[in-house]
Amino acid sequence: MRTNGFVLLLLALFLVMFPFSVQAATPESLIKDSINMLNEMMKQDDAKSMADVIDGAKAIAFVPSMVKAGFVLGAEYGEGLVLRRENKKWYGPAFYNLSGGSLGLQIGAQKIALALVVINDAGVNAFLKSKTKLGADVAVAAGPVGRKGEAATDARMKASIYSYSMTKGLFAGLSLDGAVISISVKRDQEYWKKEISAADALKVRATDKRILPLIQAIESISKKAKKK
């Protein structure tokens, strides 16, 4: 009972000290922030391999702001969206949450932007289940970074999802082992204006004017990869 009370006290302190971490996003703001995040990532010299991985991706997911904060009890949470690609056409989006926790001295707060590049069907299926634990239910690895895609080609043999992070102006691959993907029923409903499963959302062609700017940003990156 004392342990439960201590955890609740820490959670209350977390919400008071870091209120920004629980501010609700909207589908439109998640799309806009994903575009900004992707553009910022691609300005980095080390992002060339990321472009190669994206060029061959079956899906790409974004978490524009994943909050890491805590004192003794660490916490991680972010909202995001995923788009699926098939035969050079994009489908979706579907919305999801990414969360995790760790014990340790994690003093202070940090916001991290994440891009998750999915390169096979197992990775796509991770976004269709109610909950998927990265590293346990599906293989995930830090995305390769660098100027050319030899590392990106090798990476496709090792995992289903490759993750990249951007924080304080620094770009890097980031391992997300232990983080949990869960479907955001609320955000899907808000975007599609009806009840819809993630599986069904990712079968709908992404032609809505709200999502097209993000599609265009992704396609421009694929074109850059082909020109190298």
C-alpha atoms as a PDB file:
ATOM      1  CA  MET A   1       0.000   0.000   0.000  1.00  0.00           C
ATOM      2  CA  ARG A   2       2.856   2.367   0.834  1.00  0.00           C
ATOM      3  CA  THR A   3       4.464   1.652  -2.532  1.00  0.00           C
ATOM      4  CA  ASN A   4       1.228   2.383  -4.393  1.00  0.00           C
ATOM      5  CA  GLY A   5       0.798   5.613  -2.470  1.00  0.00           C
ATOM      6  CA  PHE A   6       4.359   6.652  -3.269  1.00  0.00           C
ATOM      7  CA  VAL A   7       3.836   6.006  -6.987  1.00  0.00           C
ATOM      8  CA  LEU A   8       0.603   8.034  -6.964  1.00  0.00           C
ATOM      9  CA  LEU A   9       2.387  10.880  -5.211  1.00  0.00           C
ATOM     10  CA  LEU A  10       5.136  10.864  -7.840  1.00  0.00           C
ATOM     11  CA  LEU A  11       2.545  10.862 -10.617  1.00  0.00           C
ATOM     12  CA  ALA A  12       0.771  13.838  -9.050  1.00  0.00           C
ATOM     13  CA  LEU A  13       4.057  15.723  -8.772  1.00  0.00           C
ATOM     14  CA  PHE A  14       4.827  14.858 -12.392  1.00  0.00           C
ATOM     15  CA  LEU A  15       1.527  16.332 -13.594  1.00  0.00           C
ATOM     16  CA  VAL A  16       2.046  19.506 -11.573  1.00  0.00           C
ATOM     17  CA  MET A  17       5.679  20.022 -12.572  1.00  0.00           C
ATOM     18  CA  PHE A  18       5.292  19.040 -16.231  1.00  0.00           C
ATOM     19  CA  PRO A  19       1.762  19.989 -17.315  1.00  0.00           C
ATOM     20  CA  PHE A  20       2.851  20.313 -20.962  1.00  0.00           C
ATOM     21  CA  SER A  21       3.330  16.562 -21.109  1.00  0.00           C
ATOM     22  CA  VAL A  22      -0.379  15.882 -20.926  1.00  0.00           C
ATOM     23  CA  GLN A  23      -1.659  18.683 -23.123  1.00  0.00           C
ATOM     24  CA  ALA A  24      -3.951  17.187 -25.725  1.00  0.00           C
ATOM     25  CA  ALA A  25      -2.881  17.331 -29.340  1.00  0.00           C
ATOM     26  CA  THR A  26      -5.249  17.382 -32.306  1.00  0.00           C
ATOM     27  CA  PRO A  27      -4.945  15.353 -35.519  1.00  0.00           C
ATOM     28  CA  GLU A  28      -4.217  18.550 -37.430  1.00  0.00           C
ATOM     29  CA  SER A  29      -1.504  19.707 -35.007  1.00  0.00           C
ATOM     30  CA  LEU A  30       0.123  16.268 -35.067  1.00  0.00           C
ATOM     31  CA  ILE A  31       0.275  16.402 -38.874  1.00  0.00           C
ATOM     32  CA  LYS A  32       1.697  19.935 -38.891  1.00  0.00           C
ATOM     33  CA  ASP A  33       4.268  19.137 -36.209  1.00  0.00           C
ATOM     34  CA  SER A  34       5.269  15.940 -38.044  1.00  0.00           C
ATOM     35  CA  ILE A  35       6.036  17.953 -41.184  1.00  0.00           C
ATOM     36  CA  ASN A  36       8.149  20.419 -39.222  1.00  0.00           C
ATOM     37  CA  MET A  37       9.964  17.596 -37.451  1.00  0.00           C
ATOM     38  CA  LEU A  38      10.691  15.723 -40.681  1.00  0.00           C
ATOM     39  CA  ASN A  39      11.988  18.847 -42.404  1.00  0.00           C
ATOM     40  CA  GLU A  40      14.224  19.621 -39.445  1.00  0.00           C
ATOM     41  CA  MET A  41      15.613  16.075 -39.397  1.00  0.00           C
ATOM     42  CA  MET A  42      16.433  16.161 -43.102  1.00  0.00           C
ATOM     43  CA  LYS A  43      18.515  19.335 -42.671  1.00  0.00           C
ATOM     44  CA  GLN A  44      21.044  17.293 -40.713  1.00  0.00           C
ATOM     45  CA  ASP A  45      24.125  15.946 -42.497  1.00  0.00           C
ATOM     46  CA  ASP A  46      23.691  12.532 -40.853  1.00  0.00           C
ATOM     47  CA  ALA A  47      20.158  12.091 -42.231  1.00  0.00           C
ATOM     48  CA  LYS A  48      21.178  10.734 -45.663  1.00  0.00           C
ATOM     49  CA  SER A  49      20.825   7.106 -44.550  1.00  0.00           C
ATOM     50  CA  MET A  50      17.407   7.905 -43.108  1.00  0.00           C
ATOM     51  CA  ALA A  51      16.326   9.069 -46.570  1.00  0.00           C
ATOM     52  CA  ASP A  52      17.434   5.711 -48.011  1.00  0.00           C
ATOM     53  CA  VAL A  53      15.456   3.785 -45.399  1.00  0.00           C
ATOM     54  CA  ILE A  54      12.365   5.938 -46.005  1.00  0.00           C
ATOM     55  CA  ASP A  55      12.633   5.340 -49.744  1.00  0.00           C
ATOM     56  CA  GLY A  56      12.083   1.616 -49.216  1.00  0.00           C
ATOM     57  CA  ALA A  57       9.615   1.888 -46.327  1.00  0.00           C
ATOM     58  CA  LYS A  58       6.234   0.172 -46.052  1.00  0.00           C
ATOM     59  CA  ALA A  59       5.088   2.745 -43.506  1.00  0.00           C
ATOM     60  CA  ILE A  60       6.368   5.722 -41.582  1.00  0.00           C
ATOM     61  CA  ALA A  61       5.214   6.927 -38.197  1.00  0.00           C
ATOM     62  CA  PHE A  62       5.839  10.149 -36.314  1.00  0.00           C
ATOM     63  CA  VAL A  63       5.801  11.300 -32.709  1.00  0.00           C
ATOM     64  CA  PRO A  64       6.457  15.057 -32.912  1.00  0.00           C
ATOM     65  CA  SER A  65       6.860  15.451 -29.149  1.00  0.00           C
ATOM     66  CA  MET A  66       7.671  12.560 -26.874  1.00  0.00           C
ATOM     67  CA  VAL A  67       8.084  13.800 -23.329  1.00  0.00           C
ATOM     68  CA  LYS A  68      10.628  12.176 -21.059  1.00  0.00           C
ATOM     69  CA  ALA A  69      10.437  13.407 -17.497  1.00  0.00           C
ATOM     70  CA  GLY A  70      10.671  12.145 -13.981  1.00  0.00           C
ATOM     71  CA  PHE A  71      12.278  12.073 -10.604  1.00  0.00           C
ATOM     72  CA  VAL A  72      13.191   8.523  -9.508  1.00  0.00           C
ATOM     73  CA  LEU A  73      10.218   7.227 -11.521  1.00  0.00           C
ATOM     74  CA  GLY A  74      10.819   7.946 -15.209  1.00  0.00           C
ATOM     75  CA  ALA A  75       7.975   8.396 -17.643  1.00  0.00           C
ATOM     76  CA  GLU A  76       7.686   8.668 -21.412  1.00  0.00           C
ATOM     77  CA  TYR A  77       4.639   9.537 -23.488  1.00  0.00           C
ATOM     78  CA  GLY A  78       3.857  10.861 -26.939  1.00  0.00           C
ATOM     79  CA  GLU A  79       1.070  10.985 -29.503  1.00  0.00           C
ATOM     80  CA  GLY A  80       1.662  10.257 -33.148  1.00  0.00           C
ATOM     81  CA  LEU A  81       0.369   9.112 -36.505  1.00  0.00           C
ATOM     82  CA  VAL A  82       1.302   6.469 -39.051  1.00  0.00           C
ATOM     83  CA  LEU A  83       0.960   6.282 -42.833  1.00  0.00           C
ATOM     84  CA  ARG A  84       1.196   3.062 -44.849  1.00  0.00           C
ATOM     85  CA  ARG A  85       2.679   2.759 -48.350  1.00  0.00           C
ATOM     86  CA  GLU A  86       1.749   0.153 -50.947  1.00  0.00           C
ATOM     87  CA  ASN A  87       2.608   0.234 -54.661  1.00  0.00           C
ATOM     88  CA  LYS A  88       3.919   3.797 -54.294  1.00  0.00           C
ATOM     89  CA  LYS A  89       0.587   4.996 -52.868  1.00  0.00           C
ATOM     90  CA  TRP A  90       0.005   6.220 -49.315  1.00  0.00           C
ATOM     91  CA  TYR A  91      -2.839   5.204 -47.015  1.00  0.00           C
ATOM     92  CA  GLY A  92      -4.138   6.557 -43.724  1.00  0.00           C
ATOM     93  CA  PRO A  93      -3.390   8.128 -41.372  1.00  0.00           C
ATOM     94  CA  ALA A  94      -4.035   6.148 -38.216  1.00  0.00           C
ATOM     95  CA  PHE A  95      -3.202   7.636 -34.839  1.00  0.00           C
ATOM     96  CA  TYR A  96      -1.446   6.017 -31.917  1.00  0.00           C
ATOM     97  CA  ASN A  97       0.252   6.613 -28.570  1.00  0.00           C
ATOM     98  CA  LEU A  98       3.799   5.677 -27.643  1.00  0.00           C
ATOM     99  CA  SER A  99       4.574   5.187 -23.974  1.00  0.00           C
ATOM    100  CA  GLY A 100       7.118   3.621 -21.675  1.00  0.00           C
ATOM    101  CA  GLY A 101       8.630   3.883 -18.262  1.00  0.00           C
ATOM    102  CA  SER A 102      11.906   3.192 -16.527  1.00  0.00           C
ATOM    103  CA  LEU A 103      13.258   3.230 -13.005  1.00  0.00           C
ATOM    104  CA  GLY A 104      16.316   5.337 -12.344  1.00  0.00           C
ATOM    105  CA  LEU A 105      17.511   8.833 -11.632  1.00  0.00           C
ATOM    106  CA  GLN A 106      16.003  10.745 -14.536  1.00  0.00           C
ATOM    107  CA  ILE A 107      15.939  14.261 -13.174  1.00  0.00           C
ATOM    108  CA  GLY A 108      14.596  17.040 -15.366  1.00  0.00           C
ATOM    109  CA  ALA A 109      12.461  16.968 -18.486  1.00  0.00           C
ATOM    110  CA  GLN A 110      13.195  16.459 -22.133  1.00  0.00           C
ATOM    111  CA  LYS A 111      11.149  16.560 -25.309  1.00  0.00           C
ATOM    112  CA  ILE A 112      12.165  14.270 -28.147  1.00  0.00           C
ATOM    113  CA  ALA A 113      10.807  14.158 -31.701  1.00  0.00           C
ATOM    114  CA  LEU A 114      10.684  10.668 -33.193  1.00  0.00           C
ATOM    115  CA  ALA A 115      10.352   9.184 -36.661  1.00  0.00           C
ATOM    116  CA  LEU A 116       9.750   5.427 -36.945  1.00  0.00           C
ATOM    117  CA  VAL A 117      10.464   3.940 -40.362  1.00  0.00           C
ATOM    118  CA  VAL A 118       8.706   0.601 -40.952  1.00  0.00           C
ATOM    119  CA  ILE A 119      10.281  -1.689 -43.508  1.00  0.00           C
ATOM    120  CA  ASN A 120       8.190  -4.893 -43.467  1.00  0.00           C
ATOM    121  CA  ASP A 121       4.696  -6.263 -42.785  1.00  0.00           C
ATOM    122  CA  ALA A 122       5.549  -7.248 -39.215  1.00  0.00           C
ATOM    123  CA  GLY A 123       6.313  -3.602 -38.505  1.00  0.00           C
ATOM    124  CA  VAL A 124       3.050  -2.455 -40.097  1.00  0.00           C
ATOM    125  CA  ASN A 125       1.092  -4.972 -38.020  1.00  0.00           C
ATOM    126  CA  ALA A 126       2.569  -3.462 -34.861  1.00  0.00           C
ATOM    127  CA  PHE A 127       0.381  -0.394 -35.455  1.00  0.00           C
ATOM    128  CA  LEU A 128      -2.789  -2.443 -35.996  1.00  0.00           C
ATOM    129  CA  LYS A 129      -2.906  -4.156 -32.600  1.00  0.00           C
ATOM    130  CA  SER A 130      -4.398  -2.630 -29.485  1.00  0.00           C
ATOM    131  CA  LYS A 131      -0.953  -2.797 -27.859  1.00  0.00           C
ATOM    132  CA  THR A 132       2.488  -3.760 -29.133  1.00  0.00           C
ATOM    133  CA  LYS A 133       5.686  -3.804 -27.084  1.00  0.00           C
ATOM    134  CA  LEU A 134       8.670  -2.769 -29.150  1.00  0.00           C
ATOM    135  CA  GLY A 135      11.594  -5.118 -28.881  1.00  0.00           C
ATOM    136  CA  ALA A 136       9.401  -7.934 -27.580  1.00  0.00           C
ATOM    137  CA  ASP A 137       6.476  -8.195 -30.007  1.00  0.00           C
ATOM    138  CA  VAL A 138       8.324  -6.667 -32.965  1.00  0.00           C
ATOM    139  CA  ALA A 139      12.008  -6.027 -33.657  1.00  0.00           C
ATOM    140  CA  VAL A 140      13.078  -2.387 -33.370  1.00  0.00           C
ATOM    141  CA  ALA A 141      16.486  -0.795 -33.716  1.00  0.00           C
ATOM    142  CA  ALA A 142      18.162   2.594 -33.813  1.00  0.00           C
ATOM    143  CA  GLY A 143      18.062   3.788 -37.394  1.00  0.00           C
ATOM    144  CA  PRO A 144      21.344   3.992 -39.307  1.00  0.00           C
ATOM    145  CA  VAL A 145      22.799   7.460 -39.716  1.00  0.00           C
ATOM    146  CA  GLY A 146      25.411   8.760 -42.091  1.00  0.00           C
ATOM    147  CA  ARG A 147      25.832  10.044 -45.602  1.00  0.00           C
ATOM    148  CA  LYS A 148      25.169   6.917 -47.614  1.00  0.00           C
ATOM    149  CA  GLY A 149      22.813   3.987 -47.426  1.00  0.00           C
ATOM    150  CA  GLU A 150      25.107   0.979 -47.134  1.00  0.00           C
ATOM    151  CA  ALA A 151      24.273   0.967 -43.447  1.00  0.00           C
ATOM    152  CA  ALA A 152      20.608   1.485 -44.347  1.00  0.00           C
ATOM    153  CA  THR A 153      20.644  -1.577 -46.612  1.00  0.00           C
ATOM    154  CA  ASP A 154      22.219  -3.701 -43.887  1.00  0.00           C
ATOM    155  CA  ALA A 155      19.693  -2.378 -41.378  1.00  0.00           C
ATOM    156  CA  ARG A 156      16.753  -3.789 -43.336  1.00  0.00           C
ATOM    157  CA  MET A 157      17.976  -7.278 -42.505  1.00  0.00           C
ATOM    158  CA  LYS A 158      17.915  -6.743 -38.750  1.00  0.00           C
ATOM    159  CA  ALA A 159      14.657  -5.150 -37.629  1.00  0.00           C
ATOM    160  CA  SER A 160      11.115  -4.262 -38.653  1.00  0.00           C
ATOM    161  CA  ILE A 161      11.155  -0.683 -37.369  1.00  0.00           C
ATOM    162  CA  TYR A 162      13.987   1.853 -37.329  1.00  0.00           C
ATOM    163  CA  SER A 163      13.703   4.845 -35.052  1.00  0.00           C
ATOM    164  CA  TYR A 164      15.276   8.273 -35.313  1.00  0.00           C
ATOM    165  CA  SER A 165      15.259  11.074 -32.778  1.00  0.00           C
ATOM    166  CA  MET A 166      15.697  14.828 -32.777  1.00  0.00           C
ATOM    167  CA  THR A 167      16.302  16.709 -29.551  1.00  0.00           C
ATOM    168  CA  LYS A 168      18.004  20.024 -28.812  1.00  0.00           C
ATOM    169  CA  GLY A 169      19.136  20.223 -32.417  1.00  0.00           C
ATOM    170  CA  LEU A 170      20.809  16.809 -32.351  1.00  0.00           C
ATOM    171  CA  PHE A 171      19.795  14.044 -34.775  1.00  0.00           C
ATOM    172  CA  ALA A 172      20.471  10.361 -34.056  1.00  0.00           C
ATOM    173  CA  GLY A 173      19.175   6.826 -34.251  1.00  0.00           C
ATOM    174  CA  LEU A 174      17.420   5.853 -31.034  1.00  0.00           C
ATOM    175  CA  SER A 175      16.528   2.442 -29.639  1.00  0.00           C
ATOM    176  CA  LEU A 176      12.945   2.205 -28.331  1.00  0.00           C
ATOM    177  CA  ASP A 177      13.120  -1.264 -26.770  1.00  0.00           C
ATOM    178  CA  GLY A 178      10.383  -1.582 -24.147  1.00  0.00           C
ATOM    179  CA  ALA A 179       8.197   1.270 -25.423  1.00  0.00           C
ATOM    180  CA  VAL A 180       4.549   0.400 -26.091  1.00  0.00           C
ATOM    181  CA  ILE A 181       2.492   1.344 -29.145  1.00  0.00           C
ATOM    182  CA  SER A 182      -1.257   1.616 -28.536  1.00  0.00           C
ATOM    183  CA  ILE A 183      -4.036   2.665 -30.890  1.00  0.00           C
ATOM    184  CA  SER A 184      -5.512   6.121 -30.271  1.00  0.00           C
ATOM    185  CA  VAL A 185      -9.215   5.487 -30.800  1.00  0.00           C
ATOM    186  CA  LYS A 186     -10.027   9.082 -29.882  1.00  0.00           C
ATOM    187  CA  ARG A 187      -7.671  10.700 -32.423  1.00  0.00           C
ATOM    188  CA  ASP A 188      -8.811   8.305 -35.179  1.00  0.00           C
ATOM    189  CA  GLN A 189     -12.399   9.287 -34.472  1.00  0.00           C
ATOM    190  CA  GLU A 190     -11.549  12.997 -34.481  1.00  0.00           C
ATOM    191  CA  TYR A 191      -9.753  12.789 -37.832  1.00  0.00           C
ATOM    192  CA  TRP A 192     -12.163  10.468 -39.671  1.00  0.00           C
ATOM    193  CA  LYS A 193     -15.329  11.859 -38.036  1.00  0.00           C
ATOM    194  CA  LYS A 194     -16.530   8.324 -37.325  1.00  0.00           C
ATOM    195  CA  GLU A 195     -15.550   5.156 -35.502  1.00  0.00           C
ATOM    196  CA  ILE A 196     -12.840   3.423 -37.488  1.00  0.00           C
ATOM    197  CA  SER A 197     -10.222   0.793 -36.738  1.00  0.00           C
ATOM    198  CA  ALA A 198      -6.535   1.437 -37.385  1.00  0.00           C
ATOM    199  CA  ALA A 199      -6.572  -1.400 -39.927  1.00  0.00           C
ATOM    200  CA  ASP A 200      -9.425   0.217 -41.862  1.00  0.00           C
ATOM    201  CA  ALA A 201      -7.878   3.698 -41.633  1.00  0.00           C
ATOM    202  CA  LEU A 202      -4.692   2.372 -43.209  1.00  0.00           C
ATOM    203  CA  LYS A 203      -6.666   0.975 -46.142  1.00  0.00           C
ATOM    204  CA  VAL A 204      -7.986   4.410 -47.149  1.00  0.00           C
ATOM    205  CA  ARG A 205      -5.975   6.354 -49.732  1.00  0.00           C
ATOM    206  CA  ALA A 206      -4.334   9.388 -48.141  1.00  0.00           C
ATOM    207  CA  THR A 207      -5.803  12.046 -50.412  1.00  0.00           C
ATOM    208  CA  ASP A 208      -7.386  14.388 -47.857  1.00  0.00           C
ATOM    209  CA  LYS A 209      -6.011  17.938 -48.050  1.00  0.00           C
ATOM    210  CA  ARG A 210      -5.092  17.782 -44.361  1.00  0.00           C
ATOM    211  CA  ILE A 211      -2.597  14.958 -44.877  1.00  0.00           C
ATOM    212  CA  LEU A 212      -1.272  15.806 -48.354  1.00  0.00           C
ATOM    213  CA  PRO A 213       1.440  18.235 -47.141  1.00  0.00           C
ATOM    214  CA  LEU A 214       2.962  15.449 -45.042  1.00  0.00           C
ATOM    215  CA  ILE A 215       2.800  13.018 -47.980  1.00  0.00           C
ATOM    216  CA  GLN A 216       4.568  15.593 -50.144  1.00  0.00           C
ATOM    217  CA  ALA A 217       7.302  16.039 -47.536  1.00  0.00           C
ATOM    218  CA  ILE A 218       7.908  12.285 -47.395  1.00  0.00           C
ATOM    219  CA  GLU A 219       7.935  11.957 -51.184  1.00  0.00           C
ATOM    220  CA  SER A 220      10.466  14.762 -51.532  1.00  0.00           C
ATOM    221  CA  ILE A 221      12.792  12.822 -49.235  1.00  0.00           C
ATOM    222  CA  SER A 222      12.380   9.656 -51.309  1.00  0.00           C
ATOM    223  CA  LYS A 223      13.259  11.615 -54.447  1.00  0.00           C
ATOM    224  CA  LYS A 224      16.430  12.906 -52.824  1.00  0.00           C
ATOM    225  CA  ALA A 225      17.439   9.358 -51.935  1.00  0.00           C
ATOM    226  CA  LYS A 226      17.023   8.233 -55.568  1.00  0.00           C
ATOM    227  CA  LYS A 227      19.195  11.085 -56.860  1.00  0.00           C
ATOM    228  CA  LYS A 228      22.243  10.064 -54.840  1.00  0.00           C
END
